[in-house]
Amino acid sequence: MELKTCILIGAPVQDGTGRLGCDMGPSAFRAAGIGPALASLGHGVVDQGNLSIGAVASVPHRNPAIRALGEIAAWTETLAQAVEEAGPRGLPIVLGGDHSLAAGTLSGHARRAAMASRKLFVLWLDAHPDMHTLETTTSGNLHGVPMAYALGLPGFAGHFPPLHTPLEPSRVCMIGLRSVDPAERRLLGDLGIRVHDMRAIDENGVASLLRGFLDEVERQDGLLHVSLDVDFLDPEIAPGVGTTVPGGATFREAHLIMEMLHDCGRVTSLDLVELNPFLDDRGRTARLMVDLTASLMGRSVLDRPTRSY
């Protein structure tokens, strides 16, 4: 990957989850040194600060479980515009914030790719597919719907911003899944999304699974967006998240993915989501996420620093 201008965009959204704390995520990433880490690799760094939304009226829905629909719709519109505007100037890195923010980033990047007549691919690193619609969610937590919205599934019209360019399911790859609800499982099968759960990783190794997807991105001269959820990682190494699922990616598996993404040279945007500093252990998870970002942006195994605690 050539040197980039990394554009940091804080998205302190926590309305998509059922607990407080994700709004502190952007500050934690900055405190963990994401800017200096990127600059040390030779990249330019522009920190645009945090986005915000104004007062939002309550938006009703026939699903009584849903909460904060108006807020998430507003964040979606704000983030879509922000990443679309940032894309031509560098590599947008959105500092979350819960995963509902991906409704905005995915839709914004897809619109920008379409306007440039390019194909957008998405690597989704998460324990969950976040494929619920507004009708199927039982928790009402809207961090479980962004992928369904970005794919153009029904039920969002009139509640979320109109979708300019839906994602193409065949260009989405999900790695690390291990918590999938029945409704989501059916959709994944029907749409033909490329899914590599943790069993597939155990049986085949993450490198062979990822390589096939990256080869497809290369063949189609695609742009690649990466959405990295803290709960993709095993909670033993990344405790700072509100949706812990045992059996996640190891330290080396995660870094190998990032190193392969760097080598492919196709990554054009990145989300870092679901960091909850209130649940973290002395910034351990924030620092790991920053280290993973540095690996994606060119830090090699030989350059990894030693830490004392």
Protein backbone atom coordinates (compact mmCIF):
# COMPACT_ATOMS: atom_id res chain seq x y z
CA MET A 1 0.00 0.00 0.00
CA GLU A 2 1.33 3.41 -0.96
CA LEU A 3 1.47 6.27 1.55
CA LYS A 4 -1.94 7.81 2.19
CA THR A 5 -3.54 10.77 3.85
CA CYS A 6 -5.50 9.17 6.67
CA ILE A 7 -8.60 11.18 7.55
CA LEU A 8 -9.78 10.47 11.10
CA ILE A 9 -13.51 11.00 11.62
CA GLY A 10 -14.92 10.57 15.11
CA ALA A 11 -18.44 9.12 15.32
CA PRO A 12 -19.45 9.10 19.00
CA VAL A 13 -22.70 7.23 18.43
CA GLN A 14 -24.00 4.87 21.11
CA ASP A 15 -27.72 5.01 20.34
CA GLY A 16 -27.53 1.76 18.39
CA THR A 17 -26.60 -0.32 21.42
CA GLY A 18 -28.36 -0.99 24.68
CA ARG A 19 -25.65 0.36 26.98
CA LEU A 20 -23.63 3.50 27.49
CA GLY A 21 -19.95 3.95 26.72
CA CYS A 22 -19.37 3.69 22.96
CA ASP A 23 -19.57 7.45 22.65
CA MET A 24 -16.17 7.56 24.37
CA GLY A 25 -14.63 5.38 21.66
CA PRO A 26 -13.21 8.16 19.45
CA SER A 27 -11.43 9.74 22.41
CA ALA A 28 -10.02 6.38 23.44
CA PHE A 29 -8.62 5.73 19.97
CA ARG A 30 -6.95 9.13 20.00
CA ALA A 31 -5.60 8.59 23.51
CA ALA A 32 -4.22 5.22 22.38
CA GLY A 33 -2.18 7.08 19.76
CA ILE A 34 -3.85 6.30 16.46
CA GLY A 35 -2.68 9.57 14.89
CA PRO A 36 1.00 9.24 15.88
CA ALA A 37 0.99 5.52 14.94
CA LEU A 38 -0.12 6.34 11.40
CA ALA A 39 2.25 9.30 11.12
CA SER A 40 5.19 7.12 12.23
CA LEU A 41 4.56 4.95 9.15
CA GLY A 42 4.91 7.97 6.86
CA HIS A 43 1.21 8.59 6.26
CA GLY A 44 -0.33 12.01 6.45
CA VAL A 45 -2.91 12.38 9.20
CA VAL A 46 -5.85 14.79 9.22
CA ASP A 47 -8.08 14.60 12.27
CA GLN A 48 -11.45 16.13 11.45
CA GLY A 49 -12.69 15.83 15.03
CA ASN A 50 -16.04 14.34 15.96
CA LEU A 51 -19.25 14.49 14.00
CA SER A 52 -22.50 15.33 15.74
CA ILE A 53 -26.21 15.40 15.07
CA GLY A 54 -28.72 17.94 16.28
CA ALA A 55 -31.92 17.39 18.18
CA VAL A 56 -33.99 14.60 16.66
CA ALA A 57 -37.70 14.02 16.98
CA SER A 58 -38.96 10.61 18.07
CA VAL A 59 -39.72 8.38 15.06
CA PRO A 60 -42.35 5.70 15.66
CA HIS A 61 -42.24 2.19 14.21
CA ARG A 62 -44.65 -0.70 14.37
CA ASN A 63 -41.92 -2.84 15.94
CA PRO A 64 -42.19 -1.71 19.59
CA ALA A 65 -38.71 -3.01 20.45
CA ILE A 66 -36.93 -0.42 18.30
CA ARG A 67 -35.21 2.45 20.09
CA ALA A 68 -33.53 5.63 18.85
CA LEU A 69 -34.70 5.24 15.26
CA GLY A 70 -34.57 8.97 14.60
CA GLU A 71 -31.08 9.27 16.04
CA ILE A 72 -29.64 6.40 14.00
CA ALA A 73 -31.26 7.70 10.82
CA ALA A 74 -29.66 11.10 11.47
CA TRP A 75 -26.24 9.53 12.13
CA THR A 76 -26.60 7.51 8.92
CA GLU A 77 -27.15 10.61 6.82
CA THR A 78 -24.37 12.56 8.55
CA LEU A 79 -21.81 9.78 8.21
CA ALA A 80 -22.67 8.99 4.59
CA GLN A 81 -22.02 12.58 3.64
CA ALA A 82 -18.83 12.81 5.70
CA VAL A 83 -17.16 9.72 4.22
CA GLU A 84 -18.26 10.54 0.69
CA GLU A 85 -16.66 13.96 0.99
CA ALA A 86 -13.51 12.61 2.64
CA GLY A 87 -12.91 9.79 0.17
CA PRO A 88 -11.39 11.85 -2.67
CA ARG A 89 -8.98 13.49 -0.20
CA GLY A 90 -7.55 10.34 1.39
CA LEU A 91 -8.40 7.21 3.32
CA PRO A 92 -11.29 7.82 5.74
CA ILE A 93 -10.94 6.05 9.10
CA VAL A 94 -14.13 6.32 11.14
CA LEU A 95 -13.57 6.04 14.88
CA GLY A 96 -16.68 4.61 16.53
CA GLY A 97 -19.02 4.49 18.11
CA ASP A 98 -21.26 1.43 17.79
CA HIS A 99 -21.71 -0.54 14.57
CA SER A 100 -24.91 1.24 13.59
CA LEU A 101 -22.55 3.84 12.12
CA ALA A 102 -21.82 1.41 9.27
CA ALA A 103 -25.24 2.17 7.81
CA GLY A 104 -23.79 5.57 7.01
CA THR A 105 -20.27 4.57 6.04
CA LEU A 106 -21.34 1.71 3.79
CA SER A 107 -23.96 3.78 2.00
CA GLY A 108 -21.61 6.75 1.61
CA HIS A 109 -18.74 4.70 0.23
CA ALA A 110 -21.08 2.78 -2.09
CA ARG A 111 -22.43 6.03 -3.49
CA ARG A 112 -18.93 7.40 -4.05
CA ALA A 113 -17.81 4.19 -5.78
CA ALA A 114 -20.84 4.24 -8.07
CA MET A 115 -20.23 7.87 -9.01
CA ALA A 116 -16.67 6.91 -9.95
CA SER A 117 -17.88 3.81 -11.86
CA ARG A 118 -15.93 1.56 -9.47
CA LYS A 119 -16.97 -1.63 -7.66
CA LEU A 120 -17.07 -1.51 -3.87
CA PHE A 121 -16.14 -4.62 -1.91
CA VAL A 122 -16.68 -4.93 1.84
CA LEU A 123 -14.73 -7.02 4.35
CA TRP A 124 -16.89 -7.39 7.47
CA LEU A 125 -14.87 -8.52 10.51
CA ASP A 126 -17.45 -9.18 13.21
CA ALA A 127 -18.96 -11.84 15.45
CA HIS A 128 -22.37 -10.81 14.06
CA PRO A 129 -23.62 -10.22 10.50
CA ASP A 130 -25.82 -7.26 11.57
CA MET A 131 -28.39 -8.40 9.01
CA HIS A 132 -31.59 -7.70 10.92
CA THR A 133 -34.23 -5.49 9.36
CA LEU A 134 -36.43 -3.14 11.34
CA GLU A 135 -39.07 -5.85 11.34
CA THR A 136 -36.90 -8.78 12.44
CA THR A 137 -34.92 -7.19 15.26
CA THR A 138 -36.16 -8.37 18.64
CA SER A 139 -33.64 -6.47 20.75
CA GLY A 140 -34.44 -3.15 19.09
CA ASN A 141 -30.72 -2.31 19.11
CA LEU A 142 -30.01 -0.78 15.73
CA HIS A 143 -26.34 -1.72 15.67
CA GLY A 144 -27.77 -5.01 14.41
CA VAL A 145 -29.21 -3.60 11.15
CA PRO A 146 -26.56 -1.67 9.16
CA MET A 147 -25.65 -4.42 6.72
CA ALA A 148 -29.30 -5.15 5.95
CA TYR A 149 -29.87 -1.46 5.20
CA ALA A 150 -26.74 -1.14 3.05
CA LEU A 151 -27.75 -4.20 1.00
CA GLY A 152 -31.09 -2.57 0.22
CA LEU A 153 -33.27 -5.06 2.08
CA PRO A 154 -36.91 -4.02 2.48
CA GLY A 155 -38.41 -2.19 5.43
CA PHE A 156 -36.09 0.81 5.78
CA ALA A 157 -37.86 3.19 3.40
CA GLY A 158 -39.44 6.11 5.18
CA HIS A 159 -37.31 5.52 8.28
CA PHE A 160 -33.70 5.63 7.06
CA PRO A 161 -32.29 7.93 4.37
CA PRO A 162 -33.00 6.78 0.80
CA LEU A 163 -30.28 4.41 -0.36
CA HIS A 164 -28.52 5.61 -3.51
CA THR A 165 -26.51 2.46 -4.28
CA PRO A 166 -27.11 -0.87 -2.50
CA LEU A 167 -24.16 -3.14 -1.88
CA GLU A 168 -23.79 -6.14 -4.19
CA PRO A 169 -24.01 -9.24 -1.92
CA SER A 170 -21.41 -11.13 -3.96
CA ARG A 171 -18.90 -8.42 -3.10
CA VAL A 172 -19.34 -8.76 0.67
CA CYS A 173 -17.15 -11.11 2.72
CA MET A 174 -17.87 -11.77 6.40
CA ILE A 175 -15.14 -13.31 8.53
CA GLY A 176 -15.36 -14.34 12.17
CA LEU A 177 -19.11 -14.88 12.54
CA ARG A 178 -20.15 -16.90 15.57
CA SER A 179 -23.43 -15.38 16.73
CA VAL A 180 -26.10 -15.45 14.00
CA ASP A 181 -29.85 -15.32 14.61
CA PRO A 182 -32.18 -17.57 12.53
CA ALA A 183 -33.58 -14.67 10.49
CA GLU A 184 -30.06 -13.52 9.64
CA ARG A 185 -28.95 -17.05 8.75
CA ARG A 186 -31.75 -17.35 6.19
CA LEU A 187 -30.84 -14.03 4.59
CA LEU A 188 -27.16 -14.92 4.38
CA GLY A 189 -28.04 -18.12 2.55
CA ASP A 190 -30.57 -16.49 0.24
CA LEU A 191 -28.27 -13.63 -0.75
CA GLY A 192 -25.15 -15.73 -1.28
CA ILE A 193 -22.87 -13.58 0.83
CA ARG A 194 -19.39 -15.05 1.30
CA VAL A 195 -19.28 -16.15 4.96
CA HIS A 196 -16.33 -17.64 6.85
CA ASP A 197 -17.32 -18.37 10.43
CA MET A 198 -14.89 -19.30 13.20
CA ARG A 199 -15.19 -23.00 12.39
CA ALA A 200 -14.04 -22.29 8.84
CA ILE A 201 -11.09 -20.37 10.25
CA ASP A 202 -10.26 -23.25 12.60
CA GLU A 203 -10.39 -25.78 9.76
CA ASN A 204 -8.74 -23.83 6.96
CA GLY A 205 -6.77 -20.98 8.47
CA VAL A 206 -7.66 -17.37 7.92
CA ALA A 207 -5.06 -16.71 5.20
CA SER A 208 -6.51 -19.12 2.63
CA LEU A 209 -10.06 -17.85 3.27
CA LEU A 210 -9.13 -14.20 2.92
CA ARG A 211 -6.86 -14.71 -0.07
CA GLY A 212 -9.70 -15.89 -2.28
CA PHE A 213 -11.71 -12.75 -1.54
CA LEU A 214 -8.77 -10.42 -2.07
CA ASP A 215 -8.01 -12.11 -5.38
CA GLU A 216 -11.59 -11.32 -6.46
CA VAL A 217 -11.18 -7.67 -5.45
CA GLU A 218 -8.02 -7.56 -7.55
CA ARG A 219 -9.64 -9.21 -10.58
CA GLN A 220 -12.48 -6.70 -10.58
CA ASP A 221 -10.23 -3.69 -9.84
CA GLY A 222 -12.38 -2.97 -6.81
CA LEU A 223 -12.28 -0.55 -3.93
CA LEU A 224 -12.21 -2.26 -0.53
CA HIS A 225 -13.92 -1.04 2.64
CA VAL A 226 -13.04 -2.77 5.92
CA SER A 227 -15.38 -2.68 8.91
CA LEU A 228 -13.65 -3.97 12.06
CA ASP A 229 -15.80 -4.64 15.12
CA VAL A 230 -14.04 -5.17 18.45
CA ASP A 231 -16.10 -8.31 19.03
CA PHE A 232 -14.44 -9.93 16.01
CA LEU A 233 -11.57 -10.45 18.44
CA ASP A 234 -11.59 -12.93 21.27
CA PRO A 235 -12.70 -11.18 24.49
CA GLU A 236 -9.61 -12.53 26.25
CA ILE A 237 -7.51 -10.08 24.23
CA ALA A 238 -10.17 -7.39 23.63
CA PRO A 239 -12.47 -7.01 26.65
CA GLY A 240 -13.62 -3.47 25.86
CA VAL A 241 -16.87 -4.29 24.08
CA GLY A 242 -20.46 -4.70 25.20
CA THR A 243 -21.25 -7.73 23.01
CA THR A 244 -18.61 -10.28 23.99
CA VAL A 245 -18.80 -13.65 22.23
CA PRO A 246 -16.21 -16.28 23.22
CA GLY A 247 -14.04 -17.91 20.60
CA GLY A 248 -13.07 -14.93 18.49
CA ALA A 249 -10.01 -14.20 16.40
CA THR A 250 -6.62 -14.48 18.08
CA PHE A 251 -3.97 -11.78 18.20
CA ARG A 252 -2.00 -13.33 15.35
CA GLU A 253 -5.05 -14.14 13.20
CA ALA A 254 -6.18 -10.53 13.42
CA HIS A 255 -2.75 -9.13 12.62
CA LEU A 256 -2.32 -11.54 9.71
CA ILE A 257 -5.58 -10.27 8.21
CA MET A 258 -4.38 -6.69 8.54
CA GLU A 259 -0.99 -7.52 7.04
CA MET A 260 -2.64 -9.22 4.07
CA LEU A 261 -4.90 -6.22 3.58
CA HIS A 262 -1.85 -3.98 3.51
CA ASP A 263 -0.15 -6.24 0.97
CA CYS A 264 -3.17 -6.23 -1.34
CA GLY A 265 -3.08 -2.42 -1.56
CA ARG A 266 -6.82 -2.17 -2.17
CA VAL A 267 -8.16 -0.78 1.12
CA THR A 268 -9.70 2.65 0.63
CA SER A 269 -11.63 3.10 3.89
CA LEU A 270 -11.89 1.68 7.41
CA ASP A 271 -14.37 1.56 10.29
CA LEU A 272 -13.25 0.88 13.87
CA VAL A 273 -16.36 0.16 15.89
CA GLU A 274 -17.90 -0.99 19.17
CA LEU A 275 -15.02 0.04 21.43
CA ASN A 276 -16.46 0.72 24.88
CA PRO A 277 -13.69 2.24 27.03
CA PHE A 278 -15.86 1.91 30.15
CA LEU A 279 -15.53 -1.88 29.81
CA ASP A 280 -11.86 -1.90 28.81
CA ASP A 281 -8.83 -2.83 30.90
CA ARG A 282 -6.49 0.18 31.10
CA GLY A 283 -6.91 0.94 27.41
CA ARG A 284 -5.87 -2.57 26.36
CA THR A 285 -8.51 -2.96 23.66
CA ALA A 286 -8.02 0.54 22.28
CA ARG A 287 -4.29 -0.05 21.94
CA LEU A 288 -4.86 -3.39 20.20
CA MET A 289 -7.23 -1.78 17.70
CA VAL A 290 -4.65 0.93 17.03
CA ASP A 291 -1.96 -1.74 16.54
CA LEU A 292 -4.20 -3.58 14.08
CA THR A 293 -4.77 -0.35 12.18
CA ALA A 294 -1.01 0.18 12.05
CA SER A 295 -0.56 -3.33 10.63
CA LEU A 296 -3.13 -2.58 7.94
CA MET A 297 -1.25 0.61 7.11
CA GLY A 298 2.18 -0.98 6.86
CA ARG A 299 3.70 -1.85 10.22
CA SER A 300 5.52 -5.17 9.87
CA VAL A 301 5.99 -7.94 12.42
CA LEU A 302 9.62 -6.91 12.86
CA ASP A 303 8.60 -3.36 13.74
CA ARG A 304 6.11 -4.25 16.48
CA PRO A 305 6.99 -2.47 19.75
CA THR A 306 7.43 -4.20 23.10
CA ARG A 307 5.19 -2.96 25.89
CA SER A 308 5.57 -3.03 29.63
CA TYR A 309 2.53 -2.73 31.90
